[in-house]
PDB file of N, CA and C in Angstrom:
ATOM      1  N   MET A   1       1.712  10.796   8.228  1.00  0.00           N
ATOM      2  CA  MET A   1       1.796  10.217   9.554  1.00  0.00           C
ATOM      3  C   MET A   1       2.160  11.292  10.566  1.00  0.00           C
ATOM      4  N   LEU A   2       1.583  11.151  11.709  1.00  0.00           N
ATOM      5  CA  LEU A   2       1.866  12.040  12.828  1.00  0.00           C
ATOM      6  C   LEU A   2       2.214  11.161  14.029  1.00  0.00           C
ATOM      7  N   HIS A   3       3.364  11.396  14.634  1.00  0.00           N
ATOM      8  CA  HIS A   3       3.787  10.640  15.798  1.00  0.00           C
ATOM      9  C   HIS A   3       3.533  11.479  17.045  1.00  0.00           C
ATOM     10  N   LEU A   4       2.837  10.892  18.006  1.00  0.00           N
ATOM     11  CA  LEU A   4       2.583  11.548  19.286  1.00  0.00           C
ATOM     12  C   LEU A   4       3.295  10.761  20.373  1.00  0.00           C
ATOM     13  N   ILE A   5       4.109  11.436  21.158  1.00  0.00           N
ATOM     14  CA  ILE A   5       4.868  10.788  22.221  1.00  0.00           C
ATOM     15  C   ILE A   5       4.562  11.495  23.538  1.00  0.00           C
ATOM     16  N   ASN A   6       4.245  10.710  24.542  1.00  0.00           N
ATOM     17  CA  ASN A   6       3.924  11.262  25.849  1.00  0.00           C
ATOM     18  C   ASN A   6       5.198  11.320  26.695  1.00  0.00           C
ATOM     19  N   TYR A   7       5.698  12.518  26.917  1.00  0.00           N
ATOM     20  CA  TYR A   7       6.887  12.715  27.746  1.00  0.00           C
ATOM     21  C   TYR A   7       6.535  13.082  29.185  1.00  0.00           C
ATOM     22  N   ASP A   8       5.252  13.032  29.534  1.00  0.00           N
ATOM     23  CA  ASP A   8       4.843  13.377  30.893  1.00  0.00           C
ATOM     24  C   ASP A   8       4.985  12.139  31.775  1.00  0.00           C
ATOM     25  N   CYS A   9       6.211  11.958  32.279  1.00  0.00           N
ATOM     26  CA  CYS A   9       6.477  10.753  33.057  1.00  0.00           C
ATOM     27  C   CYS A   9       7.344  11.093  34.264  1.00  0.00           C
ATOM     28  N   GLY A  10       7.305  10.201  35.217  1.00  0.00           N
ATOM     29  CA  GLY A  10       8.139  10.330  36.398  1.00  0.00           C
ATOM     30  C   GLY A  10       9.304   9.365  36.302  1.00  0.00           C
ATOM     31  N   ALA A  11      10.490   9.865  36.083  1.00  0.00           N
ATOM     32  CA  ALA A  11      11.662   9.017  35.865  1.00  0.00           C
ATOM     33  C   ALA A  11      11.990   8.140  37.080  1.00  0.00           C
ATOM     34  N   LEU A  12      11.780   8.651  38.255  1.00  0.00           N
ATOM     35  CA  LEU A  12      12.128   7.881  39.452  1.00  0.00           C
ATOM     36  C   LEU A  12      11.205   6.696  39.694  1.00  0.00           C
ATOM     37  N   PHE A  13       9.956   6.811  39.272  1.00  0.00           N
ATOM     38  CA  PHE A  13       8.974   5.782  39.568  1.00  0.00           C
ATOM     39  C   PHE A  13       8.487   5.039  38.334  1.00  0.00           C
ATOM     40  N   ASP A  14       9.058   5.360  37.168  1.00  0.00           N
ATOM     41  CA  ASP A  14       8.663   4.720  35.915  1.00  0.00           C
ATOM     42  C   ASP A  14       7.148   4.789  35.688  1.00  0.00           C
ATOM     43  N   ILE A  15       6.607   5.992  35.859  1.00  0.00           N
ATOM     44  CA  ILE A  15       5.173   6.239  35.708  1.00  0.00           C
ATOM     45  C   ILE A  15       4.957   7.148  34.505  1.00  0.00           C
ATOM     46  N   ILE A  16       3.920   6.844  33.729  1.00  0.00           N
ATOM     47  CA  ILE A  16       3.518   7.724  32.629  1.00  0.00           C
ATOM     48  C   ILE A  16       2.098   8.186  32.909  1.00  0.00           C
ATOM     49  N   TRP A  17       1.889   9.497  32.887  1.00  0.00           N
ATOM     50  CA  TRP A  17       0.557  10.044  33.102  1.00  0.00           C
ATOM     51  C   TRP A  17      -0.118  10.217  31.751  1.00  0.00           C
ATOM     52  N   PRO A  18      -1.177   9.440  31.488  1.00  0.00           N
ATOM     53  CA  PRO A  18      -1.868   9.517  30.194  1.00  0.00           C
ATOM     54  C   PRO A  18      -2.480  10.900  29.958  1.00  0.00           C
ATOM     55  N   LYS A  19      -2.593  11.242  28.698  1.00  0.00           N
ATOM     56  CA  LYS A  19      -3.256  12.472  28.264  1.00  0.00           C
ATOM     57  C   LYS A  19      -4.526  12.073  27.532  1.00  0.00           C
ATOM     58  N   SER A  20      -5.545  12.888  27.631  1.00  0.00           N
ATOM     59  CA  SER A  20      -6.802  12.539  26.970  1.00  0.00           C
ATOM     60  C   SER A  20      -7.359  13.720  26.189  1.00  0.00           C
ATOM     61  N   ASN A  21      -8.156  13.380  25.189  1.00  0.00           N
ATOM     62  CA  ASN A  21      -8.846  14.354  24.339  1.00  0.00           C
ATOM     63  C   ASN A  21      -7.894  15.406  23.763  1.00  0.00           C
ATOM     64  N   ILE A  22      -6.876  14.924  23.059  1.00  0.00           N
ATOM     65  CA  ILE A  22      -5.887  15.808  22.452  1.00  0.00           C
ATOM     66  C   ILE A  22      -6.426  16.312  21.123  1.00  0.00           C
ATOM     67  N   ALA A  23      -6.673  17.591  21.032  1.00  0.00           N
ATOM     68  CA  ALA A  23      -7.179  18.192  19.797  1.00  0.00           C
ATOM     69  C   ALA A  23      -6.028  18.389  18.816  1.00  0.00           C
ATOM     70  N   VAL A  24      -6.239  17.935  17.574  1.00  0.00           N
ATOM     71  CA  VAL A  24      -5.218  18.047  16.533  1.00  0.00           C
ATOM     72  C   VAL A  24      -5.828  18.775  15.340  1.00  0.00           C
ATOM     73  N   ARG A  25      -5.072  19.712  14.798  1.00  0.00           N
ATOM     74  CA  ARG A  25      -5.489  20.459  13.605  1.00  0.00           C
ATOM     75  C   ARG A  25      -4.292  20.516  12.670  1.00  0.00           C
ATOM     76  N   LEU A  26      -4.442  19.917  11.480  1.00  0.00           N
ATOM     77  CA  LEU A  26      -3.353  19.836  10.515  1.00  0.00           C
ATOM     78  C   LEU A  26      -3.740  20.496   9.209  1.00  0.00           C
ATOM     79  N   LYS A  27      -2.791  21.157   8.581  1.00  0.00           N
ATOM     80  CA  LYS A  27      -3.005  21.714   7.246  1.00  0.00           C
ATOM     81  C   LYS A  27      -3.208  20.548   6.293  1.00  0.00           C
ATOM     82  N   LEU A  28      -4.261  20.597   5.520  1.00  0.00           N
ATOM     83  CA  LEU A  28      -4.611  19.516   4.609  1.00  0.00           C
ATOM     84  C   LEU A  28      -3.780  19.617   3.338  1.00  0.00           C
ATOM     85  N   VAL A  29      -2.992  18.577   3.051  1.00  0.00           N
ATOM     86  CA  VAL A  29      -2.178  18.549   1.834  1.00  0.00           C
ATOM     87  C   VAL A  29      -2.677  17.495   0.850  1.00  0.00           C
ATOM     88  N   LEU A  30      -3.601  16.657   1.268  1.00  0.00           N
ATOM     89  CA  LEU A  30      -4.179  15.649   0.394  1.00  0.00           C
ATOM     90  C   LEU A  30      -5.392  16.221  -0.324  1.00  0.00           C
ATOM     91  N   SER A  31      -5.707  15.644  -1.481  1.00  0.00           N
ATOM     92  CA  SER A  31      -6.875  16.126  -2.215  1.00  0.00           C
ATOM     93  C   SER A  31      -8.187  15.701  -1.549  1.00  0.00           C
ATOM     94  N   SER A  32      -8.144  14.574  -0.828  1.00  0.00           N
ATOM     95  CA  SER A  32      -9.314  14.118  -0.077  1.00  0.00           C
ATOM     96  C   SER A  32      -8.833  13.232   1.070  1.00  0.00           C
ATOM     97  N   VAL A  33      -9.695  13.024   2.045  1.00  0.00           N
ATOM     98  CA  VAL A  33      -9.364  12.177   3.194  1.00  0.00           C
ATOM     99  C   VAL A  33     -10.491  11.170   3.370  1.00  0.00           C
ATOM    100  N   SER A  34     -10.115   9.890   3.456  1.00  0.00           N
ATOM    101  CA  SER A  34     -11.124   8.857   3.665  1.00  0.00           C
ATOM    102  C   SER A  34     -11.190   8.388   5.113  1.00  0.00           C
ATOM    103  N   SER A  35     -10.032   8.458   5.815  1.00  0.00           N
ATOM    104  CA  SER A  35     -10.048   8.024   7.210  1.00  0.00           C
ATOM    105  C   SER A  35      -8.820   8.548   7.953  1.00  0.00           C
ATOM    106  N   VAL A  36      -8.963   8.565   9.279  1.00  0.00           N
ATOM    107  CA  VAL A  36      -7.869   8.897  10.188  1.00  0.00           C
ATOM    108  C   VAL A  36      -7.808   7.749  11.191  1.00  0.00           C
ATOM    109  N   THR A  37      -6.616   7.160  11.334  1.00  0.00           N
ATOM    110  CA  THR A  37      -6.464   5.957  12.141  1.00  0.00           C
ATOM    111  C   THR A  37      -5.354   6.138  13.173  1.00  0.00           C
ATOM    112  N   VAL A  38      -5.555   5.538  14.356  1.00  0.00           N
ATOM    113  CA  VAL A  38      -4.542   5.548  15.405  1.00  0.00           C
ATOM    114  C   VAL A  38      -3.953   4.140  15.517  1.00  0.00           C
ATOM    115  N   ILE A  39      -2.620   4.084  15.507  1.00  0.00           N
ATOM    116  CA  ILE A  39      -1.890   2.843  15.739  1.00  0.00           C
ATOM    117  C   ILE A  39      -1.086   3.065  17.022  1.00  0.00           C
ATOM    118  N   SER A  40      -1.180   2.103  17.957  1.00  0.00           N
ATOM    119  CA  SER A  40      -0.500   2.296  19.235  1.00  0.00           C
ATOM    120  C   SER A  40      -0.162   0.951  19.873  1.00  0.00           C
ATOM    121  N   PRO A  41       0.954   0.873  20.587  1.00  0.00           N
ATOM    122  CA  PRO A  41       1.233  -0.349  21.346  1.00  0.00           C
ATOM    123  C   PRO A  41       0.329  -0.482  22.572  1.00  0.00           C
ATOM    124  N   ASP A  42      -0.430   0.552  22.866  1.00  0.00           N
ATOM    125  CA  ASP A  42      -1.284   0.560  24.059  1.00  0.00           C
ATOM    126  C   ASP A  42      -2.614  -0.159  23.856  1.00  0.00           C
ATOM    127  N   PHE A  43      -2.955  -0.513  22.615  1.00  0.00           N
ATOM    128  CA  PHE A  43      -4.163  -1.288  22.359  1.00  0.00           C
ATOM    129  C   PHE A  43      -3.922  -2.195  21.167  1.00  0.00           C
ATOM    130  N   SER A  44      -4.692  -3.267  21.074  1.00  0.00           N
ATOM    131  CA  SER A  44      -4.407  -4.335  20.113  1.00  0.00           C
ATOM    132  C   SER A  44      -4.934  -4.060  18.698  1.00  0.00           C
ATOM    133  N   GLU A  45      -5.928  -3.224  18.556  1.00  0.00           N
ATOM    134  CA  GLU A  45      -6.523  -2.987  17.242  1.00  0.00           C
ATOM    135  C   GLU A  45      -6.353  -1.529  16.826  1.00  0.00           C
ATOM    136  N   LEU A  46      -6.417  -1.311  15.526  1.00  0.00           N
ATOM    137  CA  LEU A  46      -6.424   0.057  15.010  1.00  0.00           C
ATOM    138  C   LEU A  46      -7.710   0.740  15.433  1.00  0.00           C
ATOM    139  N   GLN A  47      -7.645   2.036  15.626  1.00  0.00           N
ATOM    140  CA  GLN A  47      -8.841   2.804  15.973  1.00  0.00           C
ATOM    141  C   GLN A  47      -9.036   3.894  14.936  1.00  0.00           C
ATOM    142  N   ASP A  48     -10.228   3.929  14.362  1.00  0.00           N
ATOM    143  CA  ASP A  48     -10.582   5.013  13.443  1.00  0.00           C
ATOM    144  C   ASP A  48     -11.105   6.188  14.253  1.00  0.00           C
ATOM    145  N   LEU A  49     -10.699   7.379  13.849  1.00  0.00           N
ATOM    146  CA  LEU A  49     -11.134   8.589  14.540  1.00  0.00           C
ATOM    147  C   LEU A  49     -12.074   9.386  13.652  1.00  0.00           C
ATOM    148  N   PRO A  50     -13.130   9.946  14.229  1.00  0.00           N
ATOM    149  CA  PRO A  50     -13.952  10.879  13.463  1.00  0.00           C
ATOM    150  C   PRO A  50     -13.158  12.155  13.198  1.00  0.00           C
ATOM    151  N   PHE A  51     -13.390  12.771  12.063  1.00  0.00           N
ATOM    152  CA  PHE A  51     -12.654  13.981  11.697  1.00  0.00           C
ATOM    153  C   PHE A  51     -13.564  14.933  10.939  1.00  0.00           C
ATOM    154  N   THR A  52     -13.146  16.172  10.896  1.00  0.00           N
ATOM    155  CA  THR A  52     -13.836  17.173  10.084  1.00  0.00           C
ATOM    156  C   THR A  52     -12.787  17.894   9.239  1.00  0.00           C
ATOM    157  N   ILE A  53     -13.251  18.436   8.125  1.00  0.00           N
ATOM    158  CA  ILE A  53     -12.390  19.220   7.249  1.00  0.00           C
ATOM    159  C   ILE A  53     -13.052  20.577   7.053  1.00  0.00           C
ATOM    160  N   ALA A  54     -12.286  21.630   7.305  1.00  0.00           N
ATOM    161  CA  ALA A  54     -12.792  22.994   7.132  1.00  0.00           C
ATOM    162  C   ALA A  54     -11.622  23.919   6.843  1.00  0.00           C
ATOM    163  N   ASP A  55     -11.794  24.792   5.874  1.00  0.00           N
ATOM    164  CA  ASP A  55     -10.790  25.816   5.550  1.00  0.00           C
ATOM    165  C   ASP A  55      -9.395  25.225   5.316  1.00  0.00           C
ATOM    166  N   ASP A  56      -9.330  24.126   4.557  1.00  0.00           N
ATOM    167  CA  ASP A  56      -8.068  23.462   4.218  1.00  0.00           C
ATOM    168  C   ASP A  56      -7.340  22.873   5.422  1.00  0.00           C
ATOM    169  N   TYR A  57      -8.054  22.576   6.492  1.00  0.00           N
ATOM    170  CA  TYR A  57      -7.477  21.921   7.668  1.00  0.00           C
ATOM    171  C   TYR A  57      -8.312  20.696   8.010  1.00  0.00           C
ATOM    172  N   ILE A  58      -7.642  19.665   8.509  1.00  0.00           N
ATOM    173  CA  ILE A  58      -8.335  18.500   9.039  1.00  0.00           C
ATOM    174  C   ILE A  58      -8.216  18.573  10.561  1.00  0.00           C
ATOM    175  N   GLU A  59      -9.322  18.297  11.234  1.00  0.00           N
ATOM    176  CA  GLU A  59      -9.352  18.366  12.693  1.00  0.00           C
ATOM    177  C   GLU A  59      -9.911  17.066  13.253  1.00  0.00           C
ATOM    178  N   PHE A  60      -9.285  16.591  14.326  1.00  0.00           N
ATOM    179  CA  PHE A  60      -9.752  15.392  15.009  1.00  0.00           C
ATOM    180  C   PHE A  60      -9.232  15.424  16.442  1.00  0.00           C
ATOM    181  N   SER A  61      -9.732  14.515  17.247  1.00  0.00           N
ATOM    182  CA  SER A  61      -9.323  14.443  18.645  1.00  0.00           C
ATOM    183  C   SER A  61      -8.816  13.033  18.937  1.00  0.00           C
ATOM    184  N   VAL A  62      -7.664  12.958  19.588  1.00  0.00           N
ATOM    185  CA  VAL A  62      -7.110  11.670  20.001  1.00  0.00           C
ATOM    186  C   VAL A  62      -7.634  11.399  21.408  1.00  0.00           C
ATOM    187  N   PRO A  63      -8.403  10.322  21.587  1.00  0.00           N
ATOM    188  CA  PRO A  63      -9.061  10.108  22.877  1.00  0.00           C
ATOM    189  C   PRO A  63      -8.101   9.865  24.045  1.00  0.00           C
ATOM    190  N   ILE A  64      -7.026   9.102  23.811  1.00  0.00           N
ATOM    191  CA  ILE A  64      -6.095   8.807  24.900  1.00  0.00           C
ATOM    192  C   ILE A  64      -4.683   8.615  24.329  1.00  0.00           C
ATOM    193  N   LEU A  65      -3.708   9.160  25.032  1.00  0.00           N
ATOM    194  CA  LEU A  65      -2.298   8.958  24.688  1.00  0.00           C
ATOM    195  C   LEU A  65      -1.605   8.484  25.953  1.00  0.00           C
ATOM    196  N   ARG A  66      -1.202   7.221  25.930  1.00  0.00           N
ATOM    197  CA  ARG A  66      -0.461   6.687  27.077  1.00  0.00           C
ATOM    198  C   ARG A  66       1.037   6.805  26.796  1.00  0.00           C
ATOM    199  N   THR A  67       1.580   5.932  25.975  1.00  0.00           N
ATOM    200  CA  THR A  67       3.006   5.939  25.669  1.00  0.00           C
ATOM    201  C   THR A  67       3.269   6.714  24.390  1.00  0.00           C
ATOM    202  N   TYR A  68       2.830   6.141  23.257  1.00  0.00           N
ATOM    203  CA  TYR A  68       2.929   6.860  21.994  1.00  0.00           C
ATOM    204  C   TYR A  68       1.894   6.329  21.010  1.00  0.00           C
ATOM    205  N   ASP A  69       1.537   7.166  20.069  1.00  0.00           N
ATOM    206  CA  ASP A  69       0.582   6.830  19.017  1.00  0.00           C
ATOM    207  C   ASP A  69       1.152   7.276  17.686  1.00  0.00           C
ATOM    208  N   VAL A  70       0.743   6.578  16.645  1.00  0.00           N
ATOM    209  CA  VAL A  70       1.007   7.026  15.284  1.00  0.00           C
ATOM    210  C   VAL A  70      -0.349   7.246  14.645  1.00  0.00           C
ATOM    211  N   ILE A  71      -0.556   8.457  14.144  1.00  0.00           N
ATOM    212  CA  ILE A  71      -1.814   8.807  13.490  1.00  0.00           C
ATOM    213  C   ILE A  71      -1.554   8.771  11.989  1.00  0.00           C
ATOM    214  N   THR A  72      -2.402   8.056  11.269  1.00  0.00           N
ATOM    215  CA  THR A  72      -2.279   8.002   9.815  1.00  0.00           C
ATOM    216  C   THR A  72      -3.525   8.635   9.201  1.00  0.00           C
ATOM    217  N   VAL A  73      -3.298   9.464   8.212  1.00  0.00           N
ATOM    218  CA  VAL A  73      -4.386  10.117   7.476  1.00  0.00           C
ATOM    219  C   VAL A  73      -4.379   9.504   6.073  1.00  0.00           C
ATOM    220  N   HIS A  74      -5.496   8.907   5.684  1.00  0.00           N
ATOM    221  CA  HIS A  74      -5.582   8.184   4.420  1.00  0.00           C
ATOM    222  C   HIS A  74      -6.382   8.940   3.385  1.00  0.00           C
ATOM    223  N   GLU A  75      -5.880   8.919   2.186  1.00  0.00           N
ATOM    224  CA  GLU A  75      -6.565   9.565   1.059  1.00  0.00           C
ATOM    225  C   GLU A  75      -7.650   8.661   0.532  1.00  0.00           C
TER     226      GLU A  75
END
């Protein structure tokens, strides 16, 4: 699991500025990967992300981060 938290906010106005197209590259510790999923309070359903594996790393892009996301990598 990977937790992403957006700290880009304005404390005085209670505003959060969303981030988009966040590139993620993780060292692969699993023997195989079947899916990468985003769980977030910002949308009602799970979202599967396309990913690639190269040179013992998994790479994917998170399309939008508003408040926080949890990324799960499944074997």
